[in-house]
Protein backbone atom coordinates (compact mmCIF):
# COMPACT_ATOMS: atom_id res chain seq x y z
CA UNK A 1 121.47 131.45 155.11
CA UNK A 2 122.31 133.12 158.35
CA UNK A 3 120.04 134.63 160.92
CA UNK A 4 121.66 137.65 160.29
CA UNK A 5 121.91 137.97 156.33
CA UNK A 6 117.94 136.59 156.91
CA UNK A 7 117.17 140.02 158.84
CA UNK A 8 118.82 141.84 156.14
CA UNK A 9 117.20 140.52 153.77
CA UNK A 10 113.69 141.03 155.08
CA UNK A 11 114.66 145.24 155.74
CA UNK A 12 115.02 144.48 151.96
CA UNK A 13 111.96 143.25 151.09
CA UNK A 14 110.10 145.63 153.18
CA UNK A 15 107.21 145.94 151.22
CA UNK A 16 104.96 147.99 152.89
CA UNK A 17 102.28 150.73 151.79
CA UNK A 18 104.28 149.70 148.49
CA UNK A 19 102.39 146.82 147.36
CA UNK A 20 99.19 144.73 148.38
CA UNK A 21 98.67 142.56 145.48
CA UNK A 22 98.72 138.73 146.58
CA UNK A 23 99.31 136.75 142.98
CA UNK A 24 103.49 136.03 143.74
CA UNK A 25 102.56 134.85 147.76
CA UNK A 26 99.67 132.74 145.79
CA UNK A 27 102.24 131.56 143.49
CA UNK A 28 104.29 130.66 146.34
CA UNK A 29 101.63 129.15 148.19
CA UNK A 30 100.77 126.13 145.64
CA UNK A 31 104.34 125.76 144.79
CA UNK A 32 105.17 124.67 148.23
CA UNK A 33 101.93 123.42 148.95
CA UNK A 34 101.88 125.53 152.33
CA UNK A 35 98.72 124.69 154.63
CA UNK A 36 98.06 125.17 158.19
CA UNK A 37 97.81 121.96 159.43
CA UNK A 38 96.39 123.40 162.93
CA UNK A 39 93.05 124.93 164.42
CA UNK A 40 93.49 128.15 164.08
CA UNK A 41 91.77 132.28 165.40
CA UNK A 42 91.91 134.42 162.97
CA UNK A 43 91.92 137.84 164.15
CA UNK A 44 91.31 141.01 161.97
CA UNK A 45 90.74 145.14 162.68
CA UNK A 46 91.23 148.64 162.36
CA UNK A 47 91.97 148.52 166.11
CA UNK A 48 92.67 146.39 168.97
CA UNK A 49 93.71 143.04 167.45
CA UNK A 50 96.47 142.41 169.11
CA UNK A 51 95.53 143.19 172.15
CA UNK A 52 92.37 140.56 171.59
CA UNK A 53 94.76 138.04 170.60
CA UNK A 54 97.29 138.35 173.41
CA UNK A 55 94.18 137.99 175.96
CA UNK A 56 92.71 135.20 173.64
CA UNK A 57 96.75 133.54 173.75
CA UNK A 58 97.00 133.98 177.85
CA UNK A 59 93.39 132.75 178.66
CA UNK A 60 94.30 129.07 176.44
CA UNK A 61 97.75 128.93 177.53
CA UNK A 62 96.82 129.89 181.56
CA UNK A 63 94.38 126.25 181.06
CA UNK A 64 96.68 124.22 179.59
CA UNK A 65 96.46 123.69 175.66
CA UNK A 66 99.74 124.31 174.36
CA UNK A 67 98.37 127.74 171.63
CA UNK A 68 100.75 128.78 168.95
CA UNK A 69 100.97 132.94 168.79
CA UNK A 70 101.35 135.23 165.38
CA UNK A 71 101.43 138.79 165.88
CA UNK A 72 102.71 141.36 164.46
CA UNK A 73 104.39 144.03 165.24
CA UNK A 74 107.44 142.97 166.99
CA UNK A 75 109.63 145.99 169.28
CA UNK A 76 113.08 144.54 169.52
CA UNK A 77 113.78 141.01 167.48
CA UNK A 78 111.36 138.96 164.85
CA UNK A 79 111.77 136.03 166.67
CA UNK A 80 108.73 137.91 168.91
CA UNK A 81 106.41 137.85 166.30
CA UNK A 82 105.90 133.61 166.36
CA UNK A 83 106.01 131.93 169.67
CA UNK A 84 104.63 129.41 171.31
CA UNK A 85 103.58 128.78 174.87
CA UNK A 86 105.81 131.36 175.84
CA UNK A 87 108.14 130.82 173.71
CA UNK A 88 109.85 132.35 170.64
CA UNK A 89 111.08 131.06 167.39
CA UNK A 90 114.67 130.55 167.96
CA UNK A 91 117.13 132.31 165.20
CA UNK A 92 118.36 128.47 164.44
CA UNK A 93 114.46 127.90 163.63
CA UNK A 94 113.88 130.56 161.86
CA UNK A 95 117.12 130.82 159.37
CA UNK A 96 116.51 126.89 159.08
CA UNK A 97 112.60 127.37 157.86
CA UNK A 98 114.07 130.47 155.61
CA UNK A 99 116.74 127.93 154.18
CA UNK A 100 114.33 125.57 153.18
CA UNK A 101 112.50 127.67 150.74
CA UNK A 102 115.19 130.29 150.26
CA UNK A 103 114.78 129.65 146.56
CA UNK A 104 111.58 129.89 146.08
CA UNK A 105 111.68 132.64 148.34
CA UNK A 106 114.04 134.94 146.44
CA UNK A 107 112.38 133.54 143.41
CA UNK A 108 109.09 134.87 144.33
CA UNK A 109 109.54 138.14 145.07
CA UNK A 110 107.99 137.53 148.39
CA UNK A 111 107.61 140.47 150.86
CA UNK A 112 108.91 140.44 154.57
CA UNK A 113 105.45 139.78 155.96
CA UNK A 114 104.77 136.98 153.40
CA UNK A 115 107.84 135.68 154.37
CA UNK A 116 106.96 135.85 157.96
CA UNK A 117 103.57 134.32 157.55
CA UNK A 118 105.39 131.05 155.95
CA UNK A 119 108.24 131.19 158.52
CA UNK A 120 105.70 131.57 161.17
CA UNK A 121 103.28 128.81 159.56
CA UNK A 122 105.65 126.30 158.79
CA UNK A 123 107.06 126.53 162.65
CA UNK A 124 103.64 126.31 163.53
CA UNK A 125 103.36 123.10 161.46
CA UNK A 126 106.31 121.66 163.36
CA UNK A 127 105.09 122.56 166.78
CA UNK A 128 101.79 121.03 166.09
CA UNK A 129 99.66 123.38 168.71
CA UNK A 130 96.39 122.31 169.97
CA UNK A 131 95.84 125.98 168.86
CA UNK A 132 96.95 128.77 167.46
CA UNK A 133 95.93 132.38 167.06
CA UNK A 134 96.62 134.37 164.00
CA UNK A 135 96.77 138.04 163.53
CA UNK A 136 96.05 139.53 160.23
CA UNK A 137 99.23 141.96 159.28
CA UNK A 138 96.72 144.38 157.30
CA UNK A 139 92.90 144.25 156.03
CA UNK A 140 91.98 140.79 155.16
CA UNK A 141 91.41 139.23 152.08
CA UNK A 142 94.63 140.39 150.97
CA UNK A 143 96.64 139.41 153.82
CA UNK A 144 98.98 137.05 153.67
CA UNK A 145 97.88 134.71 157.00
CA UNK A 146 94.99 134.57 154.70
CA UNK A 147 95.02 130.77 153.06
CA UNK A 148 92.56 129.89 150.83
CA UNK A 149 91.78 126.45 151.77
CA UNK A 150 92.38 127.39 155.60
CA UNK A 151 88.92 127.39 157.28
CA UNK A 152 89.46 128.64 161.17
CA UNK A 153 87.76 127.57 164.58
CA UNK A 154 86.84 131.47 164.62
CA UNK A 155 87.48 134.54 162.74
CA UNK A 156 87.25 138.19 164.44
CA UNK A 157 87.16 141.53 162.91
CA UNK A 158 87.85 144.23 166.45
CA UNK A 159 86.88 147.24 164.47
CA UNK A 160 86.92 148.72 161.12
CA UNK A 161 87.67 152.55 160.74
CA UNK A 162 89.11 154.45 158.25
CA UNK A 163 92.80 153.03 157.86
CA UNK A 164 95.15 152.55 154.66
CA UNK A 165 92.50 153.84 152.41
CA UNK A 166 94.60 153.39 149.26
CA UNK A 167 94.79 149.95 149.92
CA UNK A 168 91.62 149.25 152.24
CA UNK A 169 89.03 151.24 151.01
CA UNK A 170 88.00 154.70 151.25
CA UNK A 171 84.99 154.27 153.39
CA UNK A 172 84.36 152.40 156.05
CA UNK A 173 82.24 150.02 154.43
CA UNK A 174 84.92 149.10 151.88
CA UNK A 175 86.86 148.40 154.43
CA UNK A 176 84.76 146.12 156.08
CA UNK A 177 84.30 144.12 153.55
CA UNK A 178 88.37 143.89 152.65
CA UNK A 179 88.97 142.88 156.47
CA UNK A 180 85.55 140.50 156.13
CA UNK A 181 87.86 138.13 153.65
CA UNK A 182 88.53 136.29 156.83
CA UNK A 183 85.08 134.73 157.21
CA UNK A 184 85.81 131.56 155.47
CA UNK A 185 82.39 128.76 154.83
CA UNK A 186 80.37 127.37 157.39
CA UNK A 187 83.12 129.18 160.40
CA UNK A 188 82.10 131.71 162.86
CA UNK A 189 83.01 134.78 162.59
CA UNK A 190 82.66 137.48 165.99
CA UNK A 191 82.68 141.13 165.59
CA UNK A 192 83.72 143.68 167.89
CA UNK A 193 81.71 147.31 168.36
CA UNK A 194 81.22 148.52 164.82
CA UNK A 195 79.28 151.36 163.02
CA UNK A 196 76.25 149.78 161.27
CA UNK A 197 77.40 150.41 157.84
CA UNK A 198 80.25 147.82 158.71
CA UNK A 199 78.47 145.50 160.58
CA UNK A 200 76.25 145.06 157.28
CA UNK A 201 78.01 144.83 155.08
CA UNK A 202 79.61 141.75 156.79
CA UNK A 203 76.45 140.07 158.32
CA UNK A 204 75.48 139.80 154.67
CA UNK A 205 79.33 138.27 153.80
CA UNK A 206 78.56 135.92 156.68
CA UNK A 207 75.01 135.15 155.70
CA UNK A 208 76.04 134.35 152.54
CA UNK A 209 78.94 132.19 153.41
CA UNK A 210 76.63 130.63 155.77
CA UNK A 211 78.52 131.79 158.95
CA UNK A 212 77.28 131.95 161.96
CA UNK A 213 77.41 135.79 162.77
CA UNK A 214 78.46 136.65 166.88
CA UNK A 215 78.40 140.23 167.92
CA UNK A 216 79.89 141.34 171.19
CA UNK A 217 78.23 141.19 173.89
CA UNK A 218 78.23 144.42 176.40
CA UNK A 219 80.43 144.83 179.28
CA UNK A 220 79.11 146.57 182.26
CA UNK A 221 80.53 148.15 185.97
CA UNK A 222 83.89 148.86 185.09
CA UNK A 223 86.12 150.98 187.18
CA UNK A 224 89.86 151.41 187.58
CA UNK A 225 91.82 150.40 190.70
CA UNK A 226 95.50 150.71 190.50
CA UNK A 227 96.65 147.93 189.28
CA UNK A 228 93.48 146.48 187.60
CA UNK A 229 90.45 148.17 186.06
CA UNK A 230 87.36 145.75 187.36
CA UNK A 231 84.04 144.94 184.56
CA UNK A 232 81.46 142.10 184.50
CA UNK A 233 81.00 140.32 181.37
CA UNK A 234 77.96 137.95 181.11
CA UNK A 235 77.82 135.69 183.64
CA UNK A 236 81.45 136.61 185.32
CA UNK A 237 81.21 139.03 187.56
CA UNK A 238 84.46 141.29 188.85
CA UNK A 239 87.34 140.27 186.02
CA UNK A 240 90.31 142.46 186.31
CA UNK A 241 92.52 143.27 183.92
CA UNK A 242 96.26 144.30 184.18
CA UNK A 243 96.02 148.14 182.77
CA UNK A 244 94.96 151.31 183.58
CA UNK A 245 93.74 151.71 179.27
CA UNK A 246 89.99 151.50 179.77
CA UNK A 247 89.94 150.77 176.26
CA UNK A 248 91.41 147.50 176.96
CA UNK A 249 88.05 146.43 177.77
CA UNK A 250 86.27 146.06 174.94
CA UNK A 251 89.38 143.88 173.49
CA UNK A 252 89.16 141.68 176.68
CA UNK A 253 85.19 141.68 176.65
CA UNK A 254 85.90 140.25 172.35
CA UNK A 255 88.25 137.44 173.94
CA UNK A 256 85.84 136.77 176.66
CA UNK A 257 83.09 136.55 173.67
CA UNK A 258 84.99 134.37 171.82
CA UNK A 259 86.43 132.22 174.29
CA UNK A 260 82.41 132.09 174.68
CA UNK A 261 81.55 130.56 171.33
CA UNK A 262 84.61 128.16 171.84
CA UNK A 263 83.42 126.74 174.76
CA UNK A 264 82.07 123.08 173.44
CA UNK A 265 85.83 122.12 171.59
CA UNK A 266 87.24 124.49 173.36
CA UNK A 267 86.43 124.51 177.02
CA UNK A 268 87.94 126.65 179.44
CA UNK A 269 87.21 126.38 183.27
CA UNK A 270 85.91 130.35 184.92
CA UNK A 271 89.58 130.66 186.60
CA UNK A 272 92.05 130.00 183.62
CA UNK A 273 89.73 132.80 181.79
CA UNK A 274 90.69 134.92 184.61
CA UNK A 275 94.30 133.91 185.62
CA UNK A 276 94.33 134.56 181.89
CA UNK A 277 93.05 138.06 181.71
CA UNK A 278 95.75 138.67 184.29
CA UNK A 279 98.46 138.43 182.10
CA UNK A 280 100.95 141.35 181.40
CA UNK A 281 99.79 144.38 179.11
CA UNK A 282 101.40 144.25 175.66
CA UNK A 283 104.22 147.64 175.29
CA UNK A 284 102.98 150.84 174.39
CA UNK A 285 99.43 150.65 175.19
CA UNK A 286 99.04 153.47 177.64
CA UNK A 287 102.51 151.88 179.40
CA UNK A 288 103.89 153.80 182.55
CA UNK A 289 107.34 154.79 183.47
CA UNK A 290 107.49 157.52 186.25
CA UNK A 291 105.37 160.05 184.78
CA UNK A 292 106.53 158.74 181.13
CA UNK A 293 103.19 157.79 179.38
CA UNK A 294 103.95 155.41 176.01
CA UNK A 295 100.86 154.29 173.72
CA UNK A 296 101.00 153.42 169.79
CA UNK A 297 97.44 154.66 169.16
CA UNK A 298 97.97 155.47 165.14
CA UNK A 299 94.30 156.40 163.69
CA UNK A 300 92.07 158.95 164.78
CA UNK A 301 90.00 156.05 166.95
CA UNK A 302 92.28 154.41 169.16
CA UNK A 303 93.61 158.28 169.76
CA UNK A 304 90.04 159.00 170.95
CA UNK A 305 90.50 155.95 172.51
CA UNK A 306 93.65 157.28 174.65
CA UNK A 307 92.90 160.13 175.62
CA UNK A 308 89.52 158.70 177.09
CA UNK A 309 91.58 156.49 179.17
CA UNK A 310 94.30 159.11 180.15
CA UNK A 311 92.72 162.02 180.97
CA UNK A 312 91.19 160.20 184.18
CA UNK A 313 94.56 159.18 184.80
CA UNK A 314 96.17 162.18 184.43
CA UNK A 315 93.86 164.25 186.77
CA UNK A 316 95.05 167.35 187.31
CA UNK A 317 98.51 167.06 186.05
CA UNK A 318 98.79 169.00 182.52
CA UNK A 319 99.88 166.70 179.84
CA UNK A 320 103.00 167.64 177.92
CA UNK A 321 102.67 165.30 174.28
CA UNK A 322 105.70 164.38 171.63
CA UNK A 323 104.37 162.74 168.43
CA UNK A 324 105.53 161.11 165.82
CA UNK A 325 103.48 159.08 162.88
CA UNK A 326 103.29 157.70 159.63
CA UNK A 327 102.71 159.32 156.95
CA UNK A 328 99.50 157.52 155.82
CA UNK A 329 98.26 158.74 159.15
CA UNK A 330 95.15 161.08 159.92
CA UNK A 331 96.86 163.74 162.08
CA UNK A 332 94.87 166.38 160.67
CA UNK A 333 92.14 164.43 163.52
CA UNK A 334 94.23 163.35 165.26
CA UNK A 335 96.19 166.01 166.74
CA UNK A 336 93.02 168.17 167.58
CA UNK A 337 92.16 165.71 169.74
CA UNK A 338 95.11 165.47 171.42
CA UNK A 339 95.71 168.97 171.53
CA UNK A 340 92.47 169.67 173.28
CA UNK A 341 93.40 168.25 176.46
CA UNK A 342 97.18 168.28 176.32
CA UNK A 343 99.00 171.78 177.30
CA UNK A 344 101.52 171.15 174.19
CA UNK A 345 102.64 168.82 171.58
CA UNK A 346 106.24 168.76 170.07
CA UNK A 347 106.15 166.96 166.71
CA UNK A 348 109.15 164.80 166.07
CA UNK A 349 110.06 161.76 163.75
CA UNK A 350 112.43 158.32 163.99
CA UNK A 351 113.95 156.13 162.00
CA UNK A 352 111.65 154.40 159.33
CA UNK A 353 110.82 155.11 155.76
CA UNK A 354 107.54 155.58 156.61
CA UNK A 355 108.04 158.38 159.24
CA UNK A 356 106.64 161.57 158.51
CA UNK A 357 109.84 164.20 158.16
CA UNK A 358 109.85 167.97 159.28
CA UNK A 359 108.19 168.83 155.51
CA UNK A 360 105.33 166.36 156.41
CA UNK A 361 104.05 168.30 159.24
CA UNK A 362 104.63 171.41 157.04
CA UNK A 363 100.70 172.59 157.59
CA UNK A 364 101.40 172.07 161.17
CA UNK A 365 104.42 173.97 162.91
CA UNK A 366 102.28 176.67 163.30
CA UNK A 367 100.57 175.64 166.06
CA UNK A 368 103.24 172.55 167.27
CA UNK A 369 107.01 173.11 167.22
CA UNK A 370 109.07 169.98 165.47
CA UNK A 371 112.18 168.97 167.21
CA UNK A 372 114.29 166.20 165.03
CA UNK A 373 115.21 164.48 167.93
CA UNK A 374 112.88 162.51 169.82
CA UNK A 375 115.60 161.14 172.72
CA UNK A 376 115.29 165.47 172.73
CA UNK A 377 112.04 165.95 172.88
CA UNK A 378 111.47 163.42 175.75
CA UNK A 379 114.17 164.19 177.83
CA UNK A 380 113.75 167.85 178.13
CA UNK A 381 109.95 167.58 178.74
CA UNK A 382 110.51 165.15 181.17
CA UNK A 383 113.68 167.95 182.63
CA UNK A 384 111.19 170.90 182.62
CA UNK A 385 108.17 169.04 183.89
CA UNK A 386 109.06 166.38 186.25
CA UNK A 387 105.39 166.49 187.78
CA UNK A 388 103.76 166.44 184.71
CA UNK A 389 102.31 163.69 182.62
CA UNK A 390 104.77 163.02 179.44
CA UNK A 391 102.55 161.70 176.28
CA UNK A 392 104.92 159.20 173.79
CA UNK A 393 102.29 158.99 170.85
CA UNK A 394 101.51 158.87 167.15
CA UNK A 395 102.79 155.06 165.92
CA UNK A 396 103.13 152.40 167.32
CA UNK A 397 106.50 151.44 165.92
CA UNK A 398 107.73 155.09 167.26
CA UNK A 399 106.24 154.28 171.07
CA UNK A 400 108.74 151.00 170.56
CA UNK A 401 111.77 153.16 169.74
CA UNK A 402 110.97 155.41 171.92
CA UNK A 403 110.16 152.84 174.82
CA UNK A 404 113.93 151.77 174.59
CA UNK A 405 115.55 154.92 175.21
CA UNK A 406 112.36 155.43 177.84
CA UNK A 407 113.41 152.81 179.65
CA UNK A 408 117.60 152.01 179.21
CA UNK A 409 119.46 155.21 178.10
CA UNK A 410 116.66 157.93 179.78
CA UNK A 411 119.04 159.55 182.52
CA UNK A 412 116.64 160.56 185.63
């Protein structure tokens, strides 16, 4: 198939939030003998897994390793999910690898993410990286990145909070158990700051699988001096990351601890570690364009972290919010939290079958107006309040489409 035809096929096979089991995927893996033939770090978590993966990727690249990265979501093109040493997979390689197993893919009725996982792993097998960073899509036990026979050099669970409860579990401990599915026998597991109910579950599973358990350490002496956040993380002093987002300190700390754990197998010099942390941050993580800030906070934990970073950054400037969310997100908690420290909130929607429409905000329109056109909502606020802060948030997918408008279409 041609590349554009494959993109159409992937769109039709998007089963996000409709199918969460792996029978078809396991059958495909067995039939094609798909395996992971390279060392890899496996990352899951409710928040922060993408940024943690990004920091690890850049640190090991700075040291000179050949490093692969599989992560989601993408912002413009699906190729962004798969890269090796800063180069995205080409359209030609993407199409070639799909076509090699087109018959089995279609017969197996694979979801778009399962197909993307297959293409990434097959491509990385060809590229033979020294190390790959593999980010889960959702959960862990049922995620397509979790191959039964593949043993990571390190598993990481960044955070655990209530999310995707219809698929992952109704409690934090149930969700933790699902995410702990990436823990493999005797492979070390690193965890971020977790509630006891989550940490206890993961510790128990790690013990049963004889997997060394490592909790992240605390960072210290954090301070923001534009354009960097400075902090200490033992044994390093005055580390810097290129962002005003305080919540990224937690993700950087997890990455640093991961590097320490693997230092014997994948040595990294301090200079490389510092250089990797200074790499450009991922888009839509407190990303600023003049007075407009884009952030992909998509659950209560992320919204809390966003507001803790944004309020000091805004200073005495009022905050106006444009908010769009997926239907499965807990806006009953998110909107009041944002509302506590914002001047106003405009609800909106965007082009996604999962996005909330006006009727999905029915209970909240008494407090927050709805504008069906997010571009109009952003432009109106930007024109009306050129000196205030305009926050665009509610979903990473929404922040990404709004980013294209803000950077390419919004006339100032």
